[in-house]
């Protein structure tokens, strides 16, 4: 992704569910589709976002991401010229570009009620397996 090129993904797909409920298995199956890529464990987007819809202080957020092991494993680039919503959207864009697919999704296990404040048009799929 070109840092000057900001694409807005208005409708990423979110898979929400409790940990240990089967979300990983479903994510892996969806990721195997030729047109779908996935960001697992996307909680680093919502953990610091306020229930009131207020984005975190960006300098503090950058510092927190630098120590967040799940985020670090993504190798996403933090573009400090973006506001919060653009920044977290850029993570989805980076995943799309890496995998050269058309649809992007993410799994979130907590604070998923905050996602519509960032992506109001995104579909949500709740996963509640009953093995």
C-alpha atoms as a PDB file:
ATOM      1  CA  UNK A   1       0.000   0.000   0.000  1.00  0.00           C
ATOM      2  CA  UNK A   2       1.330   3.365  -0.945  1.00  0.00           C
ATOM      3  CA  UNK A   3       1.409   5.528   2.195  1.00  0.00           C
ATOM      4  CA  UNK A   4      -0.128   8.404   0.234  1.00  0.00           C
ATOM      5  CA  UNK A   5      -2.931   6.199  -1.053  1.00  0.00           C
ATOM      6  CA  UNK A   6      -5.609   5.742   1.592  1.00  0.00           C
ATOM      7  CA  UNK A   7      -8.287   3.248   0.622  1.00  0.00           C
ATOM      8  CA  UNK A   8     -11.312   3.122   2.848  1.00  0.00           C
ATOM      9  CA  UNK A   9     -12.751  -0.324   3.364  1.00  0.00           C
ATOM     10  CA  UNK A  10     -16.297   0.400   4.427  1.00  0.00           C
ATOM     11  CA  UNK A  11     -17.490  -3.184   4.708  1.00  0.00           C
ATOM     12  CA  UNK A  12     -14.863  -5.542   6.056  1.00  0.00           C
ATOM     13  CA  UNK A  13     -16.347  -8.759   7.400  1.00  0.00           C
ATOM     14  CA  UNK A  14     -16.093  -9.297  11.146  1.00  0.00           C
ATOM     15  CA  UNK A  15     -16.326 -12.679  12.792  1.00  0.00           C
ATOM     16  CA  UNK A  16     -17.070 -12.166  16.468  1.00  0.00           C
ATOM     17  CA  UNK A  17     -17.236 -14.812  19.132  1.00  0.00           C
ATOM     18  CA  UNK A  18     -15.843 -16.022  22.402  1.00  0.00           C
ATOM     19  CA  UNK A  19     -12.335 -17.382  22.564  1.00  0.00           C
ATOM     20  CA  UNK A  20     -12.187 -21.166  22.224  1.00  0.00           C
ATOM     21  CA  UNK A  21     -15.536 -21.211  20.382  1.00  0.00           C
ATOM     22  CA  UNK A  22     -14.251 -22.308  16.969  1.00  0.00           C
ATOM     23  CA  UNK A  23     -13.576 -18.908  15.428  1.00  0.00           C
ATOM     24  CA  UNK A  24     -10.042 -19.953  14.462  1.00  0.00           C
ATOM     25  CA  UNK A  25     -11.253 -22.991  12.536  1.00  0.00           C
ATOM     26  CA  UNK A  26     -13.865 -20.928  10.706  1.00  0.00           C
ATOM     27  CA  UNK A  27     -11.298 -18.188   9.981  1.00  0.00           C
ATOM     28  CA  UNK A  28      -8.904 -20.746   8.511  1.00  0.00           C
ATOM     29  CA  UNK A  29     -11.640 -22.131   6.275  1.00  0.00           C
ATOM     30  CA  UNK A  30     -12.632 -18.647   5.104  1.00  0.00           C
ATOM     31  CA  UNK A  31      -8.991 -17.684   4.495  1.00  0.00           C
ATOM     32  CA  UNK A  32      -8.635 -20.679   2.217  1.00  0.00           C
ATOM     33  CA  UNK A  33     -11.106 -19.078  -0.205  1.00  0.00           C
ATOM     34  CA  UNK A  34      -9.430 -17.607  -3.284  1.00  0.00           C
ATOM     35  CA  UNK A  35     -10.953 -14.154  -2.735  1.00  0.00           C
ATOM     36  CA  UNK A  36     -10.984 -13.817   1.082  1.00  0.00           C
ATOM     37  CA  UNK A  37      -8.113 -12.853   3.367  1.00  0.00           C
ATOM     38  CA  UNK A  38      -8.272 -12.584   7.118  1.00  0.00           C
ATOM     39  CA  UNK A  39      -6.747 -10.707  10.040  1.00  0.00           C
ATOM     40  CA  UNK A  40      -6.809 -12.979  13.078  1.00  0.00           C
ATOM     41  CA  UNK A  41      -6.926 -11.653  16.641  1.00  0.00           C
ATOM     42  CA  UNK A  42      -7.846  -8.095  15.605  1.00  0.00           C
ATOM     43  CA  UNK A  43      -8.444  -6.950  19.197  1.00  0.00           C
ATOM     44  CA  UNK A  44      -5.553  -4.475  19.011  1.00  0.00           C
ATOM     45  CA  UNK A  45      -7.940  -2.293  17.005  1.00  0.00           C
ATOM     46  CA  UNK A  46     -10.663  -2.164  19.665  1.00  0.00           C
ATOM     47  CA  UNK A  47      -8.868  -2.650  22.993  1.00  0.00           C
ATOM     48  CA  UNK A  48      -7.824   1.011  23.297  1.00  0.00           C
ATOM     49  CA  UNK A  49     -10.847   2.471  21.495  1.00  0.00           C
ATOM     50  CA  UNK A  50     -13.286   3.934  24.017  1.00  0.00           C
ATOM     51  CA  UNK A  51     -16.800   2.669  24.647  1.00  0.00           C
ATOM     52  CA  UNK A  52     -17.817   6.281  24.079  1.00  0.00           C
ATOM     53  CA  UNK A  53     -16.459   6.183  20.520  1.00  0.00           C
ATOM     54  CA  UNK A  54     -13.376   8.226  21.300  1.00  0.00           C
ATOM     55  CA  UNK A  55     -10.216   7.010  19.609  1.00  0.00           C
ATOM     56  CA  UNK A  56      -7.098   6.605  21.738  1.00  0.00           C
ATOM     57  CA  UNK A  57      -4.315   9.142  21.886  1.00  0.00           C
ATOM     58  CA  UNK A  58      -2.281   8.210  18.831  1.00  0.00           C
ATOM     59  CA  UNK A  59       1.167   8.601  20.390  1.00  0.00           C
ATOM     60  CA  UNK A  60       0.155   6.304  23.247  1.00  0.00           C
ATOM     61  CA  UNK A  61      -1.435   3.892  20.785  1.00  0.00           C
ATOM     62  CA  UNK A  62       1.731   3.709  18.642  1.00  0.00           C
ATOM     63  CA  UNK A  63       3.769   2.985  21.766  1.00  0.00           C
ATOM     64  CA  UNK A  64       1.315   0.305  22.874  1.00  0.00           C
ATOM     65  CA  UNK A  65       1.362  -1.357  19.430  1.00  0.00           C
ATOM     66  CA  UNK A  66       5.159  -1.496  19.546  1.00  0.00           C
ATOM     67  CA  UNK A  67       4.871  -3.856  22.535  1.00  0.00           C
ATOM     68  CA  UNK A  68       1.774  -5.794  21.456  1.00  0.00           C
ATOM     69  CA  UNK A  69       3.060  -9.216  20.377  1.00  0.00           C
ATOM     70  CA  UNK A  70       0.042 -10.113  18.237  1.00  0.00           C
ATOM     71  CA  UNK A  71       0.216  -6.825  16.372  1.00  0.00           C
ATOM     72  CA  UNK A  72       3.990  -7.161  15.997  1.00  0.00           C
ATOM     73  CA  UNK A  73       3.520 -10.563  14.358  1.00  0.00           C
ATOM     74  CA  UNK A  74       1.453  -8.920  11.585  1.00  0.00           C
ATOM     75  CA  UNK A  75       4.351  -6.752  10.362  1.00  0.00           C
ATOM     76  CA  UNK A  76       1.828  -4.052   9.518  1.00  0.00           C
ATOM     77  CA  UNK A  77       3.277  -0.613   8.886  1.00  0.00           C
ATOM     78  CA  UNK A  78       2.126   2.167  11.212  1.00  0.00           C
ATOM     79  CA  UNK A  79       1.554   5.245   9.091  1.00  0.00           C
ATOM     80  CA  UNK A  80       1.678   8.109  11.579  1.00  0.00           C
ATOM     81  CA  UNK A  81       0.198  10.578   9.095  1.00  0.00           C
ATOM     82  CA  UNK A  82      -3.216   8.885   9.423  1.00  0.00           C
ATOM     83  CA  UNK A  83      -5.928   9.477  11.981  1.00  0.00           C
ATOM     84  CA  UNK A  84      -7.047   6.500  14.082  1.00  0.00           C
ATOM     85  CA  UNK A  85      -9.827   5.239  11.812  1.00  0.00           C
ATOM     86  CA  UNK A  86      -7.624   5.556   8.742  1.00  0.00           C
ATOM     87  CA  UNK A  87      -4.762   3.799  10.521  1.00  0.00           C
ATOM     88  CA  UNK A  88      -6.738   0.750  11.594  1.00  0.00           C
ATOM     89  CA  UNK A  89      -8.354   0.647   8.158  1.00  0.00           C
ATOM     90  CA  UNK A  90      -4.843   0.653   6.671  1.00  0.00           C
ATOM     91  CA  UNK A  91      -4.149  -2.620   8.491  1.00  0.00           C
ATOM     92  CA  UNK A  92      -6.974  -4.249   6.527  1.00  0.00           C
ATOM     93  CA  UNK A  93      -5.679  -2.676   3.311  1.00  0.00           C
ATOM     94  CA  UNK A  94      -2.210  -4.044   3.990  1.00  0.00           C
ATOM     95  CA  UNK A  95      -3.637  -7.543   4.473  1.00  0.00           C
ATOM     96  CA  UNK A  96      -5.559  -7.285   1.189  1.00  0.00           C
ATOM     97  CA  UNK A  97      -2.470  -6.151  -0.648  1.00  0.00           C
ATOM     98  CA  UNK A  98      -0.274  -8.891   0.815  1.00  0.00           C
ATOM     99  CA  UNK A  99      -2.641 -11.644  -0.170  1.00  0.00           C
ATOM    100  CA  UNK A 100      -3.883 -10.044  -3.393  1.00  0.00           C
ATOM    101  CA  UNK A 101      -7.507 -10.848  -2.607  1.00  0.00           C
ATOM    102  CA  UNK A 102     -10.742  -8.857  -2.899  1.00  0.00           C
ATOM    103  CA  UNK A 103     -12.451  -9.380   0.477  1.00  0.00           C
ATOM    104  CA  UNK A 104     -10.976  -8.831   3.915  1.00  0.00           C
ATOM    105  CA  UNK A 105     -12.217  -9.937   7.279  1.00  0.00           C
ATOM    106  CA  UNK A 106     -11.064  -9.974  10.870  1.00  0.00           C
ATOM    107  CA  UNK A 107     -11.788 -11.958  14.010  1.00  0.00           C
ATOM    108  CA  UNK A 108     -12.556 -10.104  17.230  1.00  0.00           C
ATOM    109  CA  UNK A 109     -13.210 -11.827  20.563  1.00  0.00           C
ATOM    110  CA  UNK A 110     -13.912  -8.849  22.806  1.00  0.00           C
ATOM    111  CA  UNK A 111     -15.121  -5.244  22.573  1.00  0.00           C
ATOM    112  CA  UNK A 112     -16.691  -6.019  19.214  1.00  0.00           C
ATOM    113  CA  UNK A 113     -19.451  -3.568  20.114  1.00  0.00           C
ATOM    114  CA  UNK A 114     -16.882  -0.843  19.334  1.00  0.00           C
ATOM    115  CA  UNK A 115     -16.358  -1.949  15.732  1.00  0.00           C
ATOM    116  CA  UNK A 116     -19.481  -0.205  14.317  1.00  0.00           C
ATOM    117  CA  UNK A 117     -18.081   3.101  15.575  1.00  0.00           C
ATOM    118  CA  UNK A 118     -15.150   2.602  13.193  1.00  0.00           C
ATOM    119  CA  UNK A 119     -16.894   0.651  10.405  1.00  0.00           C
ATOM    120  CA  UNK A 120     -20.651   1.461  10.630  1.00  0.00           C
ATOM    121  CA  UNK A 121     -21.499  -0.432   7.430  1.00  0.00           C
ATOM    122  CA  UNK A 122     -19.559  -3.614   8.168  1.00  0.00           C
ATOM    123  CA  UNK A 123     -21.376  -6.926   8.494  1.00  0.00           C
ATOM    124  CA  UNK A 124     -20.872  -8.931  11.679  1.00  0.00           C
ATOM    125  CA  UNK A 125     -21.168 -12.658  12.055  1.00  0.00           C
ATOM    126  CA  UNK A 126     -21.442 -14.028  15.542  1.00  0.00           C
ATOM    127  CA  UNK A 127     -19.977 -17.444  16.042  1.00  0.00           C
ATOM    128  CA  UNK A 128     -21.322 -19.580  18.836  1.00  0.00           C
ATOM    129  CA  UNK A 129     -20.428 -23.185  18.263  1.00  0.00           C
ATOM    130  CA  UNK A 130     -22.237 -25.876  20.147  1.00  0.00           C
ATOM    131  CA  UNK A 131     -20.128 -28.949  19.580  1.00  0.00           C
END
